[in-house]
C-alpha atoms as a PDB file:
ATOM      1  CA  MET A   1       1.691   8.379 -40.163  1.00  0.00           C
ATOM      2  CA  GLU A   2       3.165   9.387 -43.477  1.00  0.00           C
ATOM      3  CA  ASP A   3       0.783  11.347 -45.671  1.00  0.00           C
ATOM      4  CA  ARG A   4       2.860  13.066 -48.350  1.00  0.00           C
ATOM      5  CA  VAL A   5      -0.244  13.711 -50.474  1.00  0.00           C
ATOM      6  CA  ASP A   6      -2.555  15.285 -47.841  1.00  0.00           C
ATOM      7  CA  PHE A   7      -4.995  12.391 -48.205  1.00  0.00           C
ATOM      8  CA  LEU A   8      -6.818  13.141 -44.953  1.00  0.00           C
ATOM      9  CA  ASP A   9      -7.258  16.828 -45.739  1.00  0.00           C
ATOM     10  CA  ARG A  10      -8.389  16.033 -49.287  1.00  0.00           C
ATOM     11  CA  LEU A  11     -10.867  13.409 -48.110  1.00  0.00           C
ATOM     12  CA  ILE A  12     -12.400  15.694 -45.483  1.00  0.00           C
ATOM     13  CA  ALA A  13     -12.569  18.568 -47.982  1.00  0.00           C
ATOM     14  CA  LEU A  14     -14.332  16.378 -50.545  1.00  0.00           C
ATOM     15  CA  LEU A  15     -16.963  15.277 -48.034  1.00  0.00           C
ATOM     16  CA  THR A  16     -17.416  18.783 -46.630  1.00  0.00           C
ATOM     17  CA  ASP A  17     -17.490  20.574 -50.009  1.00  0.00           C
ATOM     18  CA  HIS A  18     -20.236  18.237 -51.244  1.00  0.00           C
ATOM     19  CA  GLY A  19     -22.297  18.406 -48.046  1.00  0.00           C
ATOM     20  CA  ILE A  20     -21.797  14.720 -47.271  1.00  0.00           C
ATOM     21  CA  ARG A  21     -22.810  14.053 -43.661  1.00  0.00           C
ATOM     22  CA  TYR A  22     -20.438  11.698 -41.877  1.00  0.00           C
ATOM     23  CA  CYS A  23     -18.831  10.899 -38.570  1.00  0.00           C
ATOM     24  CA  LEU A  24     -15.826   9.010 -37.285  1.00  0.00           C
ATOM     25  CA  VAL A  25     -16.230   5.692 -35.512  1.00  0.00           C
ATOM     26  CA  GLY A  26     -13.702   3.036 -34.556  1.00  0.00           C
ATOM     27  CA  GLY A  27     -10.279   3.619 -33.070  1.00  0.00           C
ATOM     28  CA  GLN A  28      -9.936   7.278 -34.033  1.00  0.00           C
ATOM     29  CA  ALA A  29     -13.310   7.971 -32.419  1.00  0.00           C
ATOM     30  CA  VAL A  30     -12.033   6.238 -29.287  1.00  0.00           C
ATOM     31  CA  ASN A  31      -8.972   8.527 -29.496  1.00  0.00           C
ATOM     32  CA  ALA A  32     -11.327  11.514 -29.355  1.00  0.00           C
ATOM     33  CA  TYR A  33     -12.587  10.369 -25.938  1.00  0.00           C
ATOM     34  CA  ALA A  34      -9.624   8.554 -24.371  1.00  0.00           C
ATOM     35  CA  GLU A  35      -5.832   8.703 -24.308  1.00  0.00           C
ATOM     36  CA  PRO A  36      -4.922   8.465 -28.020  1.00  0.00           C
ATOM     37  CA  VAL A  37      -3.002   5.562 -29.505  1.00  0.00           C
ATOM     38  CA  VAL A  38      -1.348   5.486 -32.915  1.00  0.00           C
ATOM     39  CA  SER A  39      -3.469   4.083 -35.711  1.00  0.00           C
ATOM     40  CA  LEU A  40      -3.257   4.202 -39.486  1.00  0.00           C
ATOM     41  CA  ASP A  41      -6.984   3.480 -39.794  1.00  0.00           C
ATOM     42  CA  LEU A  42      -9.834   5.935 -40.062  1.00  0.00           C
ATOM     43  CA  ASP A  43     -13.323   4.430 -39.811  1.00  0.00           C
ATOM     44  CA  VAL A  44     -16.102   6.622 -41.169  1.00  0.00           C
ATOM     45  CA  VAL A  45     -19.873   6.337 -41.392  1.00  0.00           C
ATOM     46  CA  ILE A  46     -21.654   8.283 -44.108  1.00  0.00           C
ATOM     47  CA  ALA A  47     -25.360   9.121 -43.994  1.00  0.00           C
ATOM     48  CA  LEU A  48     -27.189   6.303 -45.791  1.00  0.00           C
ATOM     49  CA  ASP A  49     -29.060   8.641 -48.125  1.00  0.00           C
ATOM     50  CA  GLN A  50     -25.708  10.074 -49.304  1.00  0.00           C
ATOM     51  CA  LEU A  51     -23.667   6.888 -49.521  1.00  0.00           C
ATOM     52  CA  SER A  52     -24.119   6.295 -53.253  1.00  0.00           C
ATOM     53  CA  ARG A  53     -23.185   9.886 -54.121  1.00  0.00           C
ATOM     54  CA  ALA A  54     -20.224   9.753 -51.733  1.00  0.00           C
ATOM     55  CA  GLU A  55     -18.959   6.542 -53.353  1.00  0.00           C
ATOM     56  CA  THR A  56     -19.082   8.168 -56.794  1.00  0.00           C
ATOM     57  CA  LEU A  57     -17.182  11.225 -55.545  1.00  0.00           C
ATOM     58  CA  LEU A  58     -14.607   9.107 -53.714  1.00  0.00           C
ATOM     59  CA  ARG A  59     -13.987   6.970 -56.817  1.00  0.00           C
ATOM     60  CA  GLU A  60     -13.290  10.129 -58.850  1.00  0.00           C
ATOM     61  CA  ALA A  61     -10.593  11.266 -56.411  1.00  0.00           C
ATOM     62  CA  PHE A  62      -9.148   8.164 -54.728  1.00  0.00           C
ATOM     63  CA  THR A  63      -8.668   4.422 -55.012  1.00  0.00           C
ATOM     64  CA  VAL A  64     -11.812   2.688 -53.731  1.00  0.00           C
ATOM     65  CA  GLU A  65     -12.334  -1.013 -53.100  1.00  0.00           C
ATOM     66  CA  ARG A  66     -15.857  -2.249 -52.344  1.00  0.00           C
ATOM     67  CA  PHE A  67     -16.421  -5.036 -49.831  1.00  0.00           C
ATOM     68  CA  PRO A  68     -19.712  -6.436 -48.515  1.00  0.00           C
ATOM     69  CA  HIS A  69     -19.862  -4.065 -45.528  1.00  0.00           C
ATOM     70  CA  SER A  70     -17.354  -1.343 -46.357  1.00  0.00           C
ATOM     71  CA  LEU A  71     -15.628   0.841 -48.884  1.00  0.00           C
ATOM     72  CA  ASN A  72     -11.876   0.995 -48.430  1.00  0.00           C
ATOM     73  CA  VAL A  73     -10.451   4.293 -49.635  1.00  0.00           C
ATOM     74  CA  SER A  74      -6.756   4.960 -50.153  1.00  0.00           C
ATOM     75  CA  LEU A  75      -4.339   7.175 -52.026  1.00  0.00           C
ATOM     76  CA  SER A  76      -0.822   6.372 -53.124  1.00  0.00           C
ATOM     77  CA  GLY A  77       1.644   8.351 -51.019  1.00  0.00           C
ATOM     78  CA  SER A  78      -0.344   8.035 -47.788  1.00  0.00           C
ATOM     79  CA  ASP A  79      -0.211   5.362 -45.106  1.00  0.00           C
ATOM     80  CA  LEU A  80      -3.721   6.306 -43.948  1.00  0.00           C
ATOM     81  CA  ARG A  81      -6.339   3.606 -44.533  1.00  0.00           C
ATOM     82  CA  VAL A  82      -9.926   4.841 -44.630  1.00  0.00           C
ATOM     83  CA  GLN A  83     -12.803   2.430 -44.239  1.00  0.00           C
ATOM     84  CA  ILE A  84     -16.331   3.650 -44.920  1.00  0.00           C
ATOM     85  CA  GLN A  85     -18.693   1.507 -42.839  1.00  0.00           C
ATOM     86  CA  MET A  86     -21.797   0.457 -44.769  1.00  0.00           C
ATOM     87  CA  ASP A  87     -23.433  -1.550 -41.969  1.00  0.00           C
ATOM     88  CA  PRO A  88     -26.839   0.153 -41.577  1.00  0.00           C
ATOM     89  CA  ARG A  89     -26.680  -0.224 -37.780  1.00  0.00           C
ATOM     90  CA  TYR A  90     -24.195   2.671 -37.770  1.00  0.00           C
ATOM     91  CA  ALA A  91     -26.424   5.055 -39.767  1.00  0.00           C
ATOM     92  CA  PRO A  92     -28.052   6.797 -36.756  1.00  0.00           C
ATOM     93  CA  PHE A  93     -24.599   7.695 -35.403  1.00  0.00           C
ATOM     94  CA  VAL A  94     -24.166  10.419 -38.037  1.00  0.00           C
ATOM     95  CA  ASP A  95     -27.034  12.611 -36.816  1.00  0.00           C
ATOM     96  CA  ARG A  96     -25.926  12.316 -33.174  1.00  0.00           C
ATOM     97  CA  ALA A  97     -22.252  13.115 -33.824  1.00  0.00           C
ATOM     98  CA  ALA A  98     -20.469  16.137 -32.375  1.00  0.00           C
ATOM     99  CA  MET A  99     -17.309  17.970 -33.368  1.00  0.00           C
ATOM    100  CA  ARG A 100     -14.214  16.787 -31.499  1.00  0.00           C
ATOM    101  CA  GLU A 101     -10.461  17.021 -31.893  1.00  0.00           C
ATOM    102  CA  VAL A 102      -8.997  14.052 -33.818  1.00  0.00           C
ATOM    103  CA  LEU A 103      -5.693  13.888 -35.698  1.00  0.00           C
ATOM    104  CA  GLY A 104      -5.223  17.607 -35.109  1.00  0.00           C
ATOM    105  CA  LEU A 105      -8.547  18.455 -36.789  1.00  0.00           C
ATOM    106  CA  ARG A 106     -12.069  19.210 -35.569  1.00  0.00           C
ATOM    107  CA  LEU A 107     -14.163  16.441 -37.070  1.00  0.00           C
ATOM    108  CA  PRO A 108     -17.622  14.986 -36.464  1.00  0.00           C
ATOM    109  CA  VAL A 109     -17.227  12.018 -34.112  1.00  0.00           C
ATOM    110  CA  ALA A 110     -19.912   9.572 -33.026  1.00  0.00           C
ATOM    111  CA  ARG A 111     -21.138  10.263 -29.497  1.00  0.00           C
ATOM    112  CA  LEU A 112     -19.428   8.295 -26.757  1.00  0.00           C
ATOM    113  CA  GLU A 113     -22.272   5.803 -26.269  1.00  0.00           C
ATOM    114  CA  ASP A 114     -22.353   5.117 -30.011  1.00  0.00           C
ATOM    115  CA  VAL A 115     -18.596   4.571 -30.138  1.00  0.00           C
ATOM    116  CA  VAL A 116     -18.971   2.011 -27.346  1.00  0.00           C
ATOM    117  CA  GLN A 117     -21.846   0.322 -29.190  1.00  0.00           C
ATOM    118  CA  GLY A 118     -19.777   0.092 -32.375  1.00  0.00           C
ATOM    119  CA  LYS A 119     -16.904  -1.451 -30.428  1.00  0.00           C
ATOM    120  CA  LEU A 120     -19.285  -3.952 -28.826  1.00  0.00           C
ATOM    121  CA  TRP A 121     -20.582  -4.980 -32.257  1.00  0.00           C
ATOM    122  CA  ALA A 122     -16.999  -5.383 -33.453  1.00  0.00           C
ATOM    123  CA  VAL A 123     -15.695  -7.338 -30.452  1.00  0.00           C
ATOM    124  CA  THR A 124     -18.614  -9.781 -30.587  1.00  0.00           C
ATOM    125  CA  ASP A 125     -18.448 -10.295 -34.370  1.00  0.00           C
ATOM    126  CA  GLU A 126     -17.196 -13.860 -34.766  1.00  0.00           C
ATOM    127  CA  THR A 127     -16.303 -13.215 -38.429  1.00  0.00           C
ATOM    128  CA  ARG A 128     -13.626 -10.648 -37.501  1.00  0.00           C
ATOM    129  CA  ARG A 129     -10.018 -11.707 -37.122  1.00  0.00           C
ATOM    130  CA  PRO A 130      -9.088 -12.470 -33.505  1.00  0.00           C
ATOM    131  CA  SER A 131      -6.368  -9.795 -33.564  1.00  0.00           C
ATOM    132  CA  LYS A 132      -8.912  -7.143 -34.619  1.00  0.00           C
ATOM    133  CA  ARG A 133     -11.304  -8.249 -31.888  1.00  0.00           C
ATOM    134  CA  GLN A 134      -8.497  -7.943 -29.313  1.00  0.00           C
ATOM    135  CA  LYS A 135      -7.862  -4.362 -30.460  1.00  0.00           C
ATOM    136  CA  ASP A 136     -11.585  -3.630 -30.124  1.00  0.00           C
ATOM    137  CA  LEU A 137     -11.488  -5.052 -26.601  1.00  0.00           C
ATOM    138  CA  ALA A 138      -8.509  -2.820 -25.781  1.00  0.00           C
ATOM    139  CA  ASP A 139     -10.452   0.183 -27.129  1.00  0.00           C
ATOM    140  CA  ILE A 140     -13.357  -0.672 -24.819  1.00  0.00           C
ATOM    141  CA  ALA A 141     -10.893  -0.897 -21.914  1.00  0.00           C
ATOM    142  CA  ARG A 142      -9.477   2.555 -22.771  1.00  0.00           C
ATOM    143  CA  LEU A 143     -12.978   4.030 -22.797  1.00  0.00           C
ATOM    144  CA  LEU A 144     -13.840   2.402 -19.470  1.00  0.00           C
ATOM    145  CA  GLU A 145     -10.686   3.838 -17.904  1.00  0.00           C
ATOM    146  CA  ALA A 146     -11.699   7.318 -19.027  1.00  0.00           C
ATOM    147  CA  TYR A 147     -15.438   6.871 -18.346  1.00  0.00           C
ATOM    148  CA  PRO A 148     -15.989   4.240 -15.607  1.00  0.00           C
ATOM    149  CA  ALA A 149     -19.768   4.850 -15.640  1.00  0.00           C
ATOM    150  CA  LEU A 150     -19.876   3.171 -19.053  1.00  0.00           C
ATOM    151  CA  ARG A 151     -19.374  -0.240 -17.365  1.00  0.00           C
ATOM    152  CA  ALA A 152     -23.162  -0.500 -17.082  1.00  0.00           C
ATOM    153  CA  GLN A 153     -23.383  -0.474 -20.907  1.00  0.00           C
ATOM    154  CA  ILE A 154     -20.913  -3.369 -21.310  1.00  0.00           C
ATOM    155  CA  PRO A 155     -22.362  -6.917 -21.351  1.00  0.00           C
ATOM    156  CA  ALA A 156     -21.000  -9.303 -18.704  1.00  0.00           C
ATOM    157  CA  GLU A 157     -19.478 -11.617 -21.333  1.00  0.00           C
ATOM    158  CA  VAL A 158     -17.370  -8.717 -22.654  1.00  0.00           C
ATOM    159  CA  LEU A 159     -16.438  -7.446 -19.168  1.00  0.00           C
ATOM    160  CA  THR A 160     -15.059 -10.860 -18.219  1.00  0.00           C
ATOM    161  CA  LYS A 161     -12.654 -10.663 -21.182  1.00  0.00           C
ATOM    162  CA  LEU A 162     -11.321  -7.360 -19.815  1.00  0.00           C
ATOM    163  CA  LEU A 163     -10.191  -8.778 -16.473  1.00  0.00           C
END
């Protein structure tokens, strides 16, 4: 991933310096628990009570686009695409997160069970593009390879798609 402007470091510093509680979810969170795959996306959940303040701070430093369920944050000169999840179902993930190695940094990552839950929500969301849902299914498969005991958490209708 090309990041000539240190977007990732600047984003993490902004959140940390302002005491914004957050955690990684999505593909990079899966990478923290399973064999990593290349991705230009970084999915983040911010504590609900800090989301408005975080949006203001992000807009001062980066390009921010608001969508119904996310804020997309970018910076010219970086291929990294950051998506701040605003779906309230993800809010409890922040307080249960733990520090893990991701992208060469120690970052707060949603706990394994929460990462799986987020992937289940994504793969069963009929409004998502089919290609995105296939990637989510592949992420679930990677997690199951690394943690076979998680099979019990996966609904039968999702497991059948993995065969």
